């Protein structure tokens, strides 16, 4: 656990060589812990509790291989966050939006804002790993 500009940032790595990097913005500490645990075998995972903290990290480094954002975040919404990422980092980083709010049309709104994928909570470990794994492979294809 580290601190960057007064913001608590959790980063977990497996100690393997050139790892993919995933940034997660979610204000639910339990969700962040589960996502870190589930995605740890796939990538180095950094978690922050709000969009502003994520944007602060991205201001210094747009080099994440994937971003996961909750729909409902304190401060600016997940949709606004995605739009800002697209404006500041471009289309090169794949974004997954997640939401536990069952309102119709959230997935469509997420995609319209610039998200590449959407998962409704609760989702399975297989759905999460499959979606993020595909996003990380897609990122490889963009580089190649």
Protein backbone atom coordinates (compact mmCIF):
# COMPACT_ATOMS: atom_id res chain seq x y z
CA UNK A 1 0.00 0.00 0.00
CA UNK A 2 1.42 3.35 -0.97
CA UNK A 3 0.44 7.01 -0.96
CA UNK A 4 0.56 9.31 -3.95
CA UNK A 5 -0.36 12.99 -3.47
CA UNK A 6 -2.33 12.10 -0.34
CA UNK A 7 -4.28 9.41 -2.18
CA UNK A 8 -4.08 5.83 -1.03
CA UNK A 9 -3.04 3.58 -3.89
CA UNK A 10 -2.83 -0.20 -3.70
CA UNK A 11 -0.56 -1.98 -6.16
CA UNK A 12 0.01 -5.72 -6.23
CA UNK A 13 2.43 -7.60 -8.44
CA UNK A 14 3.32 -11.23 -8.79
CA UNK A 15 7.03 -10.59 -9.25
CA UNK A 16 7.02 -11.78 -12.87
CA UNK A 17 8.87 -9.86 -15.61
CA UNK A 18 7.11 -7.40 -17.93
CA UNK A 19 3.62 -7.63 -16.51
CA UNK A 20 0.52 -6.06 -17.95
CA UNK A 21 -0.85 -3.24 -15.80
CA UNK A 22 -4.49 -2.75 -14.84
CA UNK A 23 -5.87 0.35 -13.11
CA UNK A 24 -9.10 -0.08 -11.11
CA UNK A 25 -11.27 2.82 -9.90
CA UNK A 26 -13.88 1.63 -7.40
CA UNK A 27 -14.86 3.12 -4.05
CA UNK A 28 -15.79 -0.27 -2.54
CA UNK A 29 -12.69 -1.63 -0.80
CA UNK A 30 -14.09 -5.19 -0.84
CA UNK A 31 -14.63 -5.05 -4.61
CA UNK A 32 -11.09 -3.71 -5.09
CA UNK A 33 -9.67 -6.52 -2.95
CA UNK A 34 -11.60 -9.16 -4.91
CA UNK A 35 -10.57 -7.69 -8.26
CA UNK A 36 -6.91 -7.57 -7.14
CA UNK A 37 -7.13 -11.21 -6.08
CA UNK A 38 -8.89 -12.32 -9.26
CA UNK A 39 -6.70 -10.38 -11.68
CA UNK A 40 -3.36 -10.81 -9.90
CA UNK A 41 -2.43 -13.82 -12.05
CA UNK A 42 -3.07 -11.77 -15.21
CA UNK A 43 -1.56 -8.39 -14.40
CA UNK A 44 -0.10 -5.92 -11.95
CA UNK A 45 -3.16 -4.32 -10.38
CA UNK A 46 -3.41 -0.76 -9.02
CA UNK A 47 -6.58 0.30 -7.23
CA UNK A 48 -7.88 3.75 -6.31
CA UNK A 49 -11.12 4.80 -4.64
CA UNK A 50 -12.28 7.50 -7.05
CA UNK A 51 -11.98 8.86 -10.55
CA UNK A 52 -9.94 11.89 -9.53
CA UNK A 53 -7.21 9.66 -8.05
CA UNK A 54 -7.21 7.54 -11.22
CA UNK A 55 -6.96 10.64 -13.40
CA UNK A 56 -4.05 11.82 -11.26
CA UNK A 57 -2.20 8.58 -11.94
CA UNK A 58 -3.07 8.72 -15.64
CA UNK A 59 -1.85 12.32 -15.89
CA UNK A 60 1.65 10.99 -15.21
CA UNK A 61 1.31 7.68 -17.04
CA UNK A 62 -1.30 6.67 -19.64
CA UNK A 63 0.60 3.41 -20.09
CA UNK A 64 -1.87 1.11 -18.33
CA UNK A 65 -2.88 -1.90 -20.41
CA UNK A 66 -6.50 -1.83 -19.18
CA UNK A 67 -8.73 0.24 -16.91
CA UNK A 68 -11.70 -0.96 -14.87
CA UNK A 69 -14.13 1.63 -13.54
CA UNK A 70 -17.23 1.37 -11.44
CA UNK A 71 -20.27 3.20 -12.82
CA UNK A 72 -21.00 4.98 -9.53
CA UNK A 73 -17.94 6.74 -8.14
CA UNK A 74 -17.66 9.57 -5.62
CA UNK A 75 -16.97 12.90 -7.31
CA UNK A 76 -17.23 12.53 -11.05
CA UNK A 77 -19.18 9.54 -12.34
CA UNK A 78 -17.71 6.51 -14.04
CA UNK A 79 -19.13 7.77 -17.34
CA UNK A 80 -17.42 11.14 -16.95
CA UNK A 81 -14.21 9.34 -15.98
CA UNK A 82 -14.30 7.23 -19.15
CA UNK A 83 -14.91 10.32 -21.28
CA UNK A 84 -11.97 12.10 -19.63
CA UNK A 85 -9.68 9.08 -20.12
CA UNK A 86 -10.61 8.96 -23.80
CA UNK A 87 -9.88 12.68 -24.10
CA UNK A 88 -6.56 12.53 -22.26
CA UNK A 89 -5.21 9.06 -23.13
CA UNK A 90 -6.96 8.42 -26.42
CA UNK A 91 -8.45 5.15 -27.56
CA UNK A 92 -5.41 2.97 -26.96
CA UNK A 93 -6.24 1.76 -23.44
CA UNK A 94 -9.20 -0.65 -23.18
CA UNK A 95 -11.78 0.24 -20.51
CA UNK A 96 -14.20 -2.08 -18.70
CA UNK A 97 -17.07 -0.51 -16.80
CA UNK A 98 -18.71 -2.47 -14.00
CA UNK A 99 -21.95 -1.72 -12.19
CA UNK A 100 -24.16 -3.19 -9.53
CA UNK A 101 -26.99 -0.81 -10.40
CA UNK A 102 -29.48 -2.73 -12.48
CA UNK A 103 -30.82 0.27 -14.38
CA UNK A 104 -31.50 -0.45 -18.00
CA UNK A 105 -29.16 1.05 -20.51
CA UNK A 106 -26.06 1.42 -18.31
CA UNK A 107 -24.05 -0.84 -20.62
CA UNK A 108 -25.09 1.19 -23.66
CA UNK A 109 -24.31 4.46 -21.85
CA UNK A 110 -20.91 3.09 -20.85
CA UNK A 111 -20.08 2.14 -24.43
CA UNK A 112 -21.32 5.50 -25.71
CA UNK A 113 -18.95 7.22 -23.25
CA UNK A 114 -16.06 5.16 -24.63
CA UNK A 115 -15.94 1.96 -22.58
CA UNK A 116 -14.94 -1.14 -24.55
CA UNK A 117 -16.83 -3.59 -22.34
CA UNK A 118 -19.41 -3.71 -19.56
CA UNK A 119 -20.09 -6.24 -16.79
CA UNK A 120 -23.11 -6.18 -14.49
CA UNK A 121 -22.42 -7.10 -10.85
CA UNK A 122 -22.49 -9.78 -9.71
CA UNK A 123 -20.31 -11.29 -12.42
CA UNK A 124 -18.43 -14.56 -12.28
CA UNK A 125 -14.68 -14.93 -11.98
CA UNK A 126 -14.69 -16.52 -15.44
CA UNK A 127 -16.56 -13.53 -16.93
CA UNK A 128 -14.14 -11.07 -15.31
CA UNK A 129 -10.98 -12.93 -16.30
CA UNK A 130 -12.31 -13.60 -19.80
CA UNK A 131 -13.22 -9.96 -20.39
CA UNK A 132 -10.01 -8.51 -18.94
CA UNK A 133 -7.88 -11.21 -20.60
CA UNK A 134 -9.41 -10.31 -23.97
CA UNK A 135 -8.80 -6.62 -23.31
CA UNK A 136 -5.14 -7.32 -22.48
CA UNK A 137 -4.75 -9.40 -25.65
CA UNK A 138 -6.46 -6.63 -27.63
CA UNK A 139 -3.91 -4.20 -26.20
CA UNK A 140 -1.11 -6.51 -27.45
CA UNK A 141 -2.66 -6.51 -30.92
CA UNK A 142 -2.70 -2.70 -30.96
CA UNK A 143 1.01 -2.58 -30.17
CA UNK A 144 2.03 -5.26 -32.69
